Amino acid sequence: MVTSAFHQRSTRLLIALSAFFVANALIAESIGTKLFSFEKLVGMDPVNFSMFGQEGLAFNLTCGVLLWPLEFVMTDIVNEFYGPKVVRRISFIAIGLIAYAFLMFYVAIEVPPADFWIGSGKKNGIDNMQTAFGGIFGQGMRIIVGSIVAFGVSQLVDVYVFHKIKKATKGRHIWMRATGSTLVSQLVDSYIVLFIAFWGIFSWQQILSFGIMNYIYKFTAALVLTPVIVWVEKRIEAYLGKDEARRMKAEAAGEDDGQHIEVPTAG
């Protein structure tokens, strides 16, 4: 039974999507300690925005934002073909594994280092490998909690908005529900992590302004990735077959209403 299920294309596809989803989330969390200048990346001068009394604002972002928009694309694709229950299950698995990974990072930091290893990076300009290791993997607890909570809540929001738009458009225009749900969930994600991680450290004006700068980037990324969603949907339909894809979409849509929708297939 298990072997035969694995040979089904829908099962193999779900395994691949789930693995990529979890790996992408874990990588995003792991590389989030590095900040980068988006303006430098694209070869332009800092924008130097001013808002809420904060001056000189620029797109200085964590490297995690390079992957988070793609994560929400994956959420919408899984949502489209497998339904909200599967998205929630995968999201909870990802949250559990992210928490486990951070626990292991802290264990690795606290394990006594070998004496020769501490100075082994000097030829590369790293005076103390233990300090460097701790600096990369030892994110603050508030940042970790904020990031995990933001991820979980924003995923639930994405699922909810996605199906509301899908119902309103009667299943048409995947680009509309995917982009719309991502825009809402990314806004939620941006501010939850900032408020949990930095409330009492930054003023509310700083938090609001930093959140807007992050959201402008995420908003733009969501729009840029809209054609990717449509392309991926078409590729999956071709892989599954139109009848099977239509059946899965109908069941995914019916699941949100507690219904089971039967769609006739050819043959």
C-alpha atoms as a PDB file:
ATOM      1  CA  MET A   1       0.000   0.000   0.000  1.00  0.00           C
ATOM      2  CA  VAL A   2       2.750   2.451   0.966  1.00  0.00           C
ATOM      3  CA  THR A   3       4.777   1.580  -2.122  1.00  0.00           C
ATOM      4  CA  SER A   4       1.810   1.981  -4.435  1.00  0.00           C
ATOM      5  CA  ALA A   5       0.960   5.353  -2.860  1.00  0.00           C
ATOM      6  CA  PHE A   6       4.502   6.565  -3.473  1.00  0.00           C
ATOM      7  CA  HIS A   7       4.138   5.764  -7.157  1.00  0.00           C
ATOM      8  CA  GLN A   8       1.228   8.182  -7.429  1.00  0.00           C
ATOM      9  CA  ARG A   9       2.306  11.450  -8.956  1.00  0.00           C
ATOM     10  CA  SER A  10       0.314  13.490  -6.459  1.00  0.00           C
ATOM     11  CA  THR A  11       2.144  11.814  -3.570  1.00  0.00           C
ATOM     12  CA  ARG A  12       5.590  12.285  -5.105  1.00  0.00           C
ATOM     13  CA  LEU A  13       4.765  15.917  -5.828  1.00  0.00           C
ATOM     14  CA  LEU A  14       3.632  16.545  -2.242  1.00  0.00           C
ATOM     15  CA  ILE A  15       6.822  15.000  -0.859  1.00  0.00           C
ATOM     16  CA  ALA A  16       8.953  17.211  -3.124  1.00  0.00           C
ATOM     17  CA  LEU A  17       6.995  20.377  -2.308  1.00  0.00           C
ATOM     18  CA  SER A  18       7.033  19.636   1.426  1.00  0.00           C
ATOM     19  CA  ALA A  19      10.766  18.934   1.475  1.00  0.00           C
ATOM     20  CA  PHE A  20      11.519  22.138  -0.410  1.00  0.00           C
ATOM     21  CA  PHE A  21       9.158  24.130   1.811  1.00  0.00           C
ATOM     22  CA  VAL A  22      10.768  22.937   5.060  1.00  0.00           C
ATOM     23  CA  ALA A  23      14.328  23.240   3.731  1.00  0.00           C
ATOM     24  CA  ASN A  24      13.645  26.739   2.395  1.00  0.00           C
ATOM     25  CA  ALA A  25      12.213  27.866   5.751  1.00  0.00           C
ATOM     26  CA  LEU A  26      15.159  26.455   7.695  1.00  0.00           C
ATOM     27  CA  ILE A  27      17.713  28.032   5.351  1.00  0.00           C
ATOM     28  CA  ALA A  28      15.946  31.399   5.564  1.00  0.00           C
ATOM     29  CA  GLU A  29      16.059  31.294   9.356  1.00  0.00           C
ATOM     30  CA  SER A  30      19.713  30.233   9.385  1.00  0.00           C
ATOM     31  CA  ILE A  31      20.978  32.971   7.062  1.00  0.00           C
ATOM     32  CA  GLY A  32      18.834  35.652   8.689  1.00  0.00           C
ATOM     33  CA  THR A  33      21.698  36.858  10.908  1.00  0.00           C
ATOM     34  CA  LYS A  34      23.329  38.617   7.953  1.00  0.00           C
ATOM     35  CA  LEU A  35      22.072  42.039   6.906  1.00  0.00           C
ATOM     36  CA  PHE A  36      22.610  43.252   3.363  1.00  0.00           C
ATOM     37  CA  SER A  37      22.041  46.423   1.381  1.00  0.00           C
ATOM     38  CA  PHE A  38      19.492  45.889  -1.367  1.00  0.00           C
ATOM     39  CA  GLU A  39      20.574  49.122  -3.021  1.00  0.00           C
ATOM     40  CA  LYS A  40      24.165  47.918  -3.279  1.00  0.00           C
ATOM     41  CA  LEU A  41      22.933  44.583  -4.615  1.00  0.00           C
ATOM     42  CA  VAL A  42      21.196  46.264  -7.556  1.00  0.00           C
ATOM     43  CA  GLY A  43      23.843  48.979  -7.993  1.00  0.00           C
ATOM     44  CA  MET A  44      21.951  52.063  -6.786  1.00  0.00           C
ATOM     45  CA  ASP A  45      22.406  54.685  -4.091  1.00  0.00           C
ATOM     46  CA  PRO A  46      20.568  54.327  -0.756  1.00  0.00           C
ATOM     47  CA  VAL A  47      17.002  55.646  -1.020  1.00  0.00           C
ATOM     48  CA  ASN A  48      17.256  57.626   2.247  1.00  0.00           C
ATOM     49  CA  PHE A  49      13.522  57.678   2.985  1.00  0.00           C
ATOM     50  CA  SER A  50      12.125  59.602   5.955  1.00  0.00           C
ATOM     51  CA  MET A  51       8.988  58.569   7.873  1.00  0.00           C
ATOM     52  CA  PHE A  52       7.654  58.694  11.439  1.00  0.00           C
ATOM     53  CA  GLY A  53      10.531  60.993  12.351  1.00  0.00           C
ATOM     54  CA  GLN A  54      13.141  58.500  11.189  1.00  0.00           C
ATOM     55  CA  GLU A  55      15.593  59.758   8.588  1.00  0.00           C
ATOM     56  CA  GLY A  56      18.030  58.027   6.267  1.00  0.00           C
ATOM     57  CA  LEU A  57      15.982  54.839   5.957  1.00  0.00           C
ATOM     58  CA  ALA A  58      17.268  52.393   3.370  1.00  0.00           C
ATOM     59  CA  PHE A  59      16.623  48.822   2.307  1.00  0.00           C
ATOM     60  CA  ASN A  60      18.944  47.121   4.800  1.00  0.00           C
ATOM     61  CA  LEU A  61      17.383  43.686   5.013  1.00  0.00           C
ATOM     62  CA  THR A  62      18.138  40.283   6.494  1.00  0.00           C
ATOM     63  CA  CYS A  63      19.226  37.639   4.026  1.00  0.00           C
ATOM     64  CA  GLY A  64      16.191  35.653   5.119  1.00  0.00           C
ATOM     65  CA  VAL A  65      13.949  37.924   3.024  1.00  0.00           C
ATOM     66  CA  LEU A  66      15.632  36.568  -0.091  1.00  0.00           C
ATOM     67  CA  LEU A  67      13.789  33.293   0.510  1.00  0.00           C
ATOM     68  CA  TRP A  68      10.606  34.198   2.419  1.00  0.00           C
ATOM     69  CA  PRO A  69       8.658  35.452  -0.624  1.00  0.00           C
ATOM     70  CA  LEU A  70       9.380  32.107  -2.288  1.00  0.00           C
ATOM     71  CA  GLU A  71       8.112  30.359   0.837  1.00  0.00           C
ATOM     72  CA  PHE A  72       4.736  32.028   0.478  1.00  0.00           C
ATOM     73  CA  VAL A  73       4.648  31.059  -3.197  1.00  0.00           C
ATOM     74  CA  MET A  74       5.107  27.451  -2.106  1.00  0.00           C
ATOM     75  CA  THR A  75       2.345  27.896   0.473  1.00  0.00           C
ATOM     76  CA  ASP A  76      -0.073  29.020  -2.215  1.00  0.00           C
ATOM     77  CA  ILE A  77       0.849  26.203  -4.592  1.00  0.00           C
ATOM     78  CA  VAL A  78       0.327  23.550  -1.908  1.00  0.00           C
ATOM     79  CA  ASN A  79      -2.870  25.313  -0.860  1.00  0.00           C
ATOM     80  CA  GLU A  80      -4.164  25.251  -4.424  1.00  0.00           C
ATOM     81  CA  PHE A  81      -3.678  21.528  -4.990  1.00  0.00           C
ATOM     82  CA  TYR A  82      -3.809  19.981  -1.496  1.00  0.00           C
ATOM     83  CA  GLY A  83      -5.871  22.342   0.640  1.00  0.00           C
ATOM     84  CA  PRO A  84      -5.448  24.260   3.911  1.00  0.00           C
ATOM     85  CA  LYS A  85      -5.097  21.237   6.193  1.00  0.00           C
ATOM     86  CA  VAL A  86      -1.993  20.075   4.353  1.00  0.00           C
ATOM     87  CA  VAL A  87      -0.497  23.580   4.398  1.00  0.00           C
ATOM     88  CA  ARG A  88      -1.049  23.842   8.139  1.00  0.00           C
ATOM     89  CA  ARG A  89       0.459  20.410   8.740  1.00  0.00           C
ATOM     90  CA  ILE A  90       3.571  21.236   6.705  1.00  0.00           C
ATOM     91  CA  SER A  91       3.863  24.624   8.417  1.00  0.00           C
ATOM     92  CA  PHE A  92       3.748  23.057  11.886  1.00  0.00           C
ATOM     93  CA  ILE A  93       6.381  20.520  10.832  1.00  0.00           C
ATOM     94  CA  ALA A  94       8.579  23.362   9.583  1.00  0.00           C
ATOM     95  CA  ILE A  95       8.127  25.292  12.841  1.00  0.00           C
ATOM     96  CA  GLY A  96       9.055  22.221  14.876  1.00  0.00           C
ATOM     97  CA  LEU A  97      12.165  21.570  12.813  1.00  0.00           C
ATOM     98  CA  ILE A  98      13.215  25.230  12.944  1.00  0.00           C
ATOM     99  CA  ALA A  99      12.921  25.175  16.744  1.00  0.00           C
ATOM    100  CA  TYR A 100      14.880  21.913  16.815  1.00  0.00           C
ATOM    101  CA  ALA A 101      17.575  23.421  14.573  1.00  0.00           C
ATOM    102  CA  PHE A 102      18.007  26.445  16.836  1.00  0.00           C
ATOM    103  CA  LEU A 103      18.263  24.155  19.847  1.00  0.00           C
ATOM    104  CA  MET A 104      21.032  22.224  18.109  1.00  0.00           C
ATOM    105  CA  PHE A 105      22.757  25.489  17.151  1.00  0.00           C
ATOM    106  CA  TYR A 106      22.913  26.472  20.812  1.00  0.00           C
ATOM    107  CA  VAL A 107      24.122  23.025  21.827  1.00  0.00           C
ATOM    108  CA  ALA A 108      26.871  23.272  19.208  1.00  0.00           C
ATOM    109  CA  ILE A 109      27.848  26.741  20.470  1.00  0.00           C
ATOM    110  CA  GLU A 110      28.129  25.540  24.070  1.00  0.00           C
ATOM    111  CA  VAL A 111      30.124  22.389  23.293  1.00  0.00           C
ATOM    112  CA  PRO A 112      33.762  23.054  24.350  1.00  0.00           C
ATOM    113  CA  PRO A 113      35.808  23.826  21.212  1.00  0.00           C
ATOM    114  CA  ALA A 114      39.050  22.065  20.358  1.00  0.00           C
ATOM    115  CA  ASP A 115      41.993  24.342  21.180  1.00  0.00           C
ATOM    116  CA  PHE A 116      43.586  24.109  17.725  1.00  0.00           C
ATOM    117  CA  TRP A 117      40.261  24.926  16.012  1.00  0.00           C
ATOM    118  CA  ILE A 118      39.839  28.277  17.797  1.00  0.00           C
ATOM    119  CA  GLY A 119      42.769  29.794  15.950  1.00  0.00           C
ATOM    120  CA  SER A 120      42.462  27.800  12.747  1.00  0.00           C
ATOM    121  CA  GLY A 121      40.812  30.645  10.862  1.00  0.00           C
ATOM    122  CA  LYS A 122      43.517  33.262  11.373  1.00  0.00           C
ATOM    123  CA  LYS A 123      44.889  32.752   7.864  1.00  0.00           C
ATOM    124  CA  ASN A 124      41.449  33.813   6.627  1.00  0.00           C
ATOM    125  CA  GLY A 125      41.230  36.820   8.959  1.00  0.00           C
ATOM    126  CA  ILE A 126      39.170  35.094  11.682  1.00  0.00           C
ATOM    127  CA  ASP A 127      40.937  35.466  15.010  1.00  0.00           C
ATOM    128  CA  ASN A 128      38.568  33.258  17.022  1.00  0.00           C
ATOM    129  CA  MET A 129      36.500  30.581  15.302  1.00  0.00           C
ATOM    130  CA  GLN A 130      34.393  29.979  18.422  1.00  0.00           C
ATOM    131  CA  THR A 131      33.380  33.637  18.575  1.00  0.00           C
ATOM    132  CA  ALA A 132      32.621  33.679  14.854  1.00  0.00           C
ATOM    133  CA  PHE A 133      30.589  30.474  15.104  1.00  0.00           C
ATOM    134  CA  GLY A 134      28.563  31.854  17.999  1.00  0.00           C
ATOM    135  CA  GLY A 135      28.037  35.141  16.183  1.00  0.00           C
ATOM    136  CA  ILE A 136      26.584  33.402  13.132  1.00  0.00           C
ATOM    137  CA  PHE A 137      24.403  30.772  14.782  1.00  0.00           C
ATOM    138  CA  GLY A 138      23.634  32.381  18.142  1.00  0.00           C
ATOM    139  CA  GLN A 139      20.635  34.554  17.366  1.00  0.00           C
ATOM    140  CA  GLY A 140      18.920  36.240  20.296  1.00  0.00           C
ATOM    141  CA  MET A 141      16.025  34.332  21.872  1.00  0.00           C
ATOM    142  CA  ARG A 142      13.533  37.129  21.190  1.00  0.00           C
ATOM    143  CA  ILE A 143      14.475  37.129  17.511  1.00  0.00           C
ATOM    144  CA  ILE A 144      14.048  33.357  17.345  1.00  0.00           C
ATOM    145  CA  VAL A 145      10.673  33.425  19.092  1.00  0.00           C
ATOM    146  CA  GLY A 146       9.519  36.384  17.027  1.00  0.00           C
ATOM    147  CA  SER A 147      10.553  34.745  13.790  1.00  0.00           C
ATOM    148  CA  ILE A 148       8.861  31.426  14.589  1.00  0.00           C
ATOM    149  CA  VAL A 149       5.636  33.074  15.790  1.00  0.00           C
ATOM    150  CA  ALA A 150       5.579  35.370  12.761  1.00  0.00           C
ATOM    151  CA  PHE A 151       6.071  32.440  10.422  1.00  0.00           C
ATOM    152  CA  GLY A 152       3.293  30.401  12.000  1.00  0.00           C
ATOM    153  CA  VAL A 153       0.728  33.212  12.173  1.00  0.00           C
ATOM    154  CA  SER A 154       1.482  34.530   8.694  1.00  0.00           C
ATOM    155  CA  GLN A 155       1.083  31.037   7.242  1.00  0.00           C
ATOM    156  CA  LEU A 156      -2.380  30.722   8.804  1.00  0.00           C
ATOM    157  CA  VAL A 157      -3.308  34.172   7.526  1.00  0.00           C
ATOM    158  CA  ASP A 158      -2.059  33.278   4.040  1.00  0.00           C
ATOM    159  CA  VAL A 159      -4.203  30.127   3.974  1.00  0.00           C
ATOM    160  CA  TYR A 160      -7.299  32.005   5.149  1.00  0.00           C
ATOM    161  CA  VAL A 161      -6.988  34.910   2.697  1.00  0.00           C
ATOM    162  CA  PHE A 162      -6.097  32.566  -0.176  1.00  0.00           C
ATOM    163  CA  HIS A 163      -9.325  30.593   0.195  1.00  0.00           C
ATOM    164  CA  LYS A 164     -11.460  33.684   0.750  1.00  0.00           C
ATOM    165  CA  ILE A 165     -10.228  35.130  -2.550  1.00  0.00           C
ATOM    166  CA  LYS A 166     -10.555  31.736  -4.241  1.00  0.00           C
ATOM    167  CA  LYS A 167     -14.200  31.510  -3.154  1.00  0.00           C
ATOM    168  CA  ALA A 168     -14.904  35.095  -4.234  1.00  0.00           C
ATOM    169  CA  THR A 169     -13.397  34.502  -7.699  1.00  0.00           C
ATOM    170  CA  LYS A 170     -14.996  31.040  -8.021  1.00  0.00           C
ATOM    171  CA  GLY A 171     -11.622  29.347  -8.427  1.00  0.00           C
ATOM    172  CA  ARG A 172     -10.411  31.585 -11.244  1.00  0.00           C
ATOM    173  CA  HIS A 173      -7.293  33.752 -11.379  1.00  0.00           C
ATOM    174  CA  ILE A 174      -4.720  31.949  -9.253  1.00  0.00           C
ATOM    175  CA  TRP A 175      -2.452  34.975  -9.623  1.00  0.00           C
ATOM    176  CA  MET A 176      -5.003  37.109  -7.762  1.00  0.00           C
ATOM    177  CA  ARG A 177      -5.463  34.849  -4.743  1.00  0.00           C
ATOM    178  CA  ALA A 178      -1.774  33.908  -4.550  1.00  0.00           C
ATOM    179  CA  THR A 179      -0.529  37.476  -4.764  1.00  0.00           C
ATOM    180  CA  GLY A 180      -3.311  38.876  -2.559  1.00  0.00           C
ATOM    181  CA  SER A 181      -2.785  36.335   0.202  1.00  0.00           C
ATOM    182  CA  THR A 182       0.977  36.839   0.080  1.00  0.00           C
ATOM    183  CA  LEU A 183       0.681  40.622   0.344  1.00  0.00           C
ATOM    184  CA  VAL A 184      -1.508  40.340   3.453  1.00  0.00           C
ATOM    185  CA  SER A 185       0.516  37.584   5.136  1.00  0.00           C
ATOM    186  CA  GLN A 186       3.847  39.318   4.462  1.00  0.00           C
ATOM    187  CA  LEU A 187       2.582  42.448   6.195  1.00  0.00           C
ATOM    188  CA  VAL A 188       1.597  40.368   9.227  1.00  0.00           C
ATOM    189  CA  ASP A 189       4.940  38.559   9.162  1.00  0.00           C
ATOM    190  CA  SER A 190       6.955  41.791   8.999  1.00  0.00           C
ATOM    191  CA  TYR A 191       5.393  43.402  12.057  1.00  0.00           C
ATOM    192  CA  ILE A 192       5.020  40.376  14.314  1.00  0.00           C
ATOM    193  CA  VAL A 193       8.726  39.603  14.211  1.00  0.00           C
ATOM    194  CA  LEU A 194       9.672  43.260  14.726  1.00  0.00           C
ATOM    195  CA  PHE A 195       7.332  43.800  17.688  1.00  0.00           C
ATOM    196  CA  ILE A 196       8.330  40.589  19.470  1.00  0.00           C
ATOM    197  CA  ALA A 197      12.056  40.924  18.813  1.00  0.00           C
ATOM    198  CA  PHE A 198      12.546  44.664  19.280  1.00  0.00           C
ATOM    199  CA  TRP A 199       9.712  46.085  21.412  1.00  0.00           C
ATOM    200  CA  GLY A 200      11.365  48.007  24.252  1.00  0.00           C
ATOM    201  CA  ILE A 201      14.606  48.185  22.284  1.00  0.00           C
ATOM    202  CA  PHE A 202      13.409  50.315  19.368  1.00  0.00           C
ATOM    203  CA  SER A 203      10.747  53.015  19.569  1.00  0.00           C
ATOM    204  CA  TRP A 204       7.384  52.331  17.957  1.00  0.00           C
ATOM    205  CA  GLN A 205       8.296  54.888  15.265  1.00  0.00           C
ATOM    206  CA  GLN A 206      11.403  52.889  14.421  1.00  0.00           C
ATOM    207  CA  ILE A 207       9.480  49.618  14.372  1.00  0.00           C
ATOM    208  CA  LEU A 208       6.805  51.072  12.083  1.00  0.00           C
ATOM    209  CA  SER A 209       9.348  52.580   9.705  1.00  0.00           C
ATOM    210  CA  PHE A 210      11.535  49.459   9.616  1.00  0.00           C
ATOM    211  CA  GLY A 211       8.435  47.360   8.975  1.00  0.00           C
ATOM    212  CA  ILE A 212       7.360  49.531   6.065  1.00  0.00           C
ATOM    213  CA  MET A 213      10.802  49.321   4.467  1.00  0.00           C
ATOM    214  CA  ASN A 214      10.732  45.541   4.801  1.00  0.00           C
ATOM    215  CA  TYR A 215       7.207  45.363   3.448  1.00  0.00           C
ATOM    216  CA  ILE A 216       8.008  47.495   0.394  1.00  0.00           C
ATOM    217  CA  TYR A 217      10.615  44.927  -0.556  1.00  0.00           C
ATOM    218  CA  LYS A 218       8.291  41.972   0.160  1.00  0.00           C
ATOM    219  CA  PHE A 219       5.412  43.668  -1.697  1.00  0.00           C
ATOM    220  CA  THR A 220       7.609  44.169  -4.751  1.00  0.00           C
ATOM    221  CA  ALA A 221       8.956  40.613  -4.562  1.00  0.00           C
ATOM    222  CA  ALA A 222       5.400  39.225  -4.393  1.00  0.00           C
ATOM    223  CA  LEU A 223       4.439  41.101  -7.558  1.00  0.00           C
ATOM    224  CA  VAL A 224       7.602  40.013  -9.366  1.00  0.00           C
ATOM    225  CA  LEU A 225       6.973  36.372  -8.424  1.00  0.00           C
ATOM    226  CA  THR A 226       3.346  36.380  -9.614  1.00  0.00           C
ATOM    227  CA  PRO A 227       4.242  35.044 -13.096  1.00  0.00           C
ATOM    228  CA  VAL A 228       6.262  32.303 -11.384  1.00  0.00           C
ATOM    229  CA  ILE A 229       3.136  31.119  -9.548  1.00  0.00           C
ATOM    230  CA  VAL A 230       1.184  30.887 -12.792  1.00  0.00           C
ATOM    231  CA  TRP A 231       4.060  29.074 -14.497  1.00  0.00           C
ATOM    232  CA  VAL A 232       4.459  26.566 -11.652  1.00  0.00           C
ATOM    233  CA  GLU A 233       0.714  25.896 -11.626  1.00  0.00           C
ATOM    234  CA  LYS A 234       0.787  25.099 -15.359  1.00  0.00           C
ATOM    235  CA  ARG A 235       3.816  22.823 -14.948  1.00  0.00           C
ATOM    236  CA  ILE A 236       2.112  20.923 -12.109  1.00  0.00           C
ATOM    237  CA  GLU A 237      -1.082  20.545 -14.146  1.00  0.00           C
ATOM    238  CA  ALA A 238       0.973  19.113 -16.996  1.00  0.00           C
ATOM    239  CA  TYR A 239       2.728  16.724 -14.597  1.00  0.00           C
ATOM    240  CA  LEU A 240      -0.447  15.515 -12.894  1.00  0.00           C
ATOM    241  CA  GLY A 241      -2.693  15.568 -15.932  1.00  0.00           C
ATOM    242  CA  LYS A 242      -5.564  18.017 -16.325  1.00  0.00           C
ATOM    243  CA  ASP A 243      -8.242  15.686 -14.946  1.00  0.00           C
ATOM    244  CA  GLU A 244      -6.253  14.814 -11.829  1.00  0.00           C
ATOM    245  CA  ALA A 245      -5.236  18.442 -11.286  1.00  0.00           C
ATOM    246  CA  ARG A 246      -8.842  19.586 -11.586  1.00  0.00           C
ATOM    247  CA  ARG A 247      -9.998  16.917  -9.138  1.00  0.00           C
ATOM    248  CA  MET A 248      -7.326  17.888  -6.590  1.00  0.00           C
ATOM    249  CA  LYS A 249      -8.146  21.593  -6.869  1.00  0.00           C
ATOM    250  CA  ALA A 250     -11.841  20.881  -6.361  1.00  0.00           C
ATOM    251  CA  GLU A 251     -11.170  18.765  -3.265  1.00  0.00           C
ATOM    252  CA  ALA A 252      -8.767  21.407  -1.917  1.00  0.00           C
ATOM    253  CA  ALA A 253     -11.422  24.094  -2.377  1.00  0.00           C
ATOM    254  CA  GLY A 254     -14.168  21.915  -0.861  1.00  0.00           C
ATOM    255  CA  GLU A 255     -12.016  21.112   2.169  1.00  0.00           C
ATOM    256  CA  ASP A 256     -12.133  24.735   3.258  1.00  0.00           C
ATOM    257  CA  ASP A 257     -15.924  24.537   3.452  1.00  0.00           C
ATOM    258  CA  GLY A 258     -15.984  21.070   5.008  1.00  0.00           C
ATOM    259  CA  GLN A 259     -17.334  19.653   1.751  1.00  0.00           C
ATOM    260  CA  HIS A 260     -16.172  16.906  -0.550  1.00  0.00           C
ATOM    261  CA  ILE A 261     -16.521  17.812  -4.202  1.00  0.00           C
ATOM    262  CA  GLU A 262     -16.513  15.039  -6.746  1.00  0.00           C
ATOM    263  CA  VAL A 263     -15.235  15.957 -10.175  1.00  0.00           C
ATOM    264  CA  PRO A 264     -15.750  13.486 -13.033  1.00  0.00           C
ATOM    265  CA  THR A 265     -12.596  12.369 -14.803  1.00  0.00           C
ATOM    266  CA  ALA A 266     -12.160  11.181 -18.338  1.00  0.00           C
ATOM    267  CA  GLY A 267     -12.394   7.452 -18.961  1.00  0.00           C
END
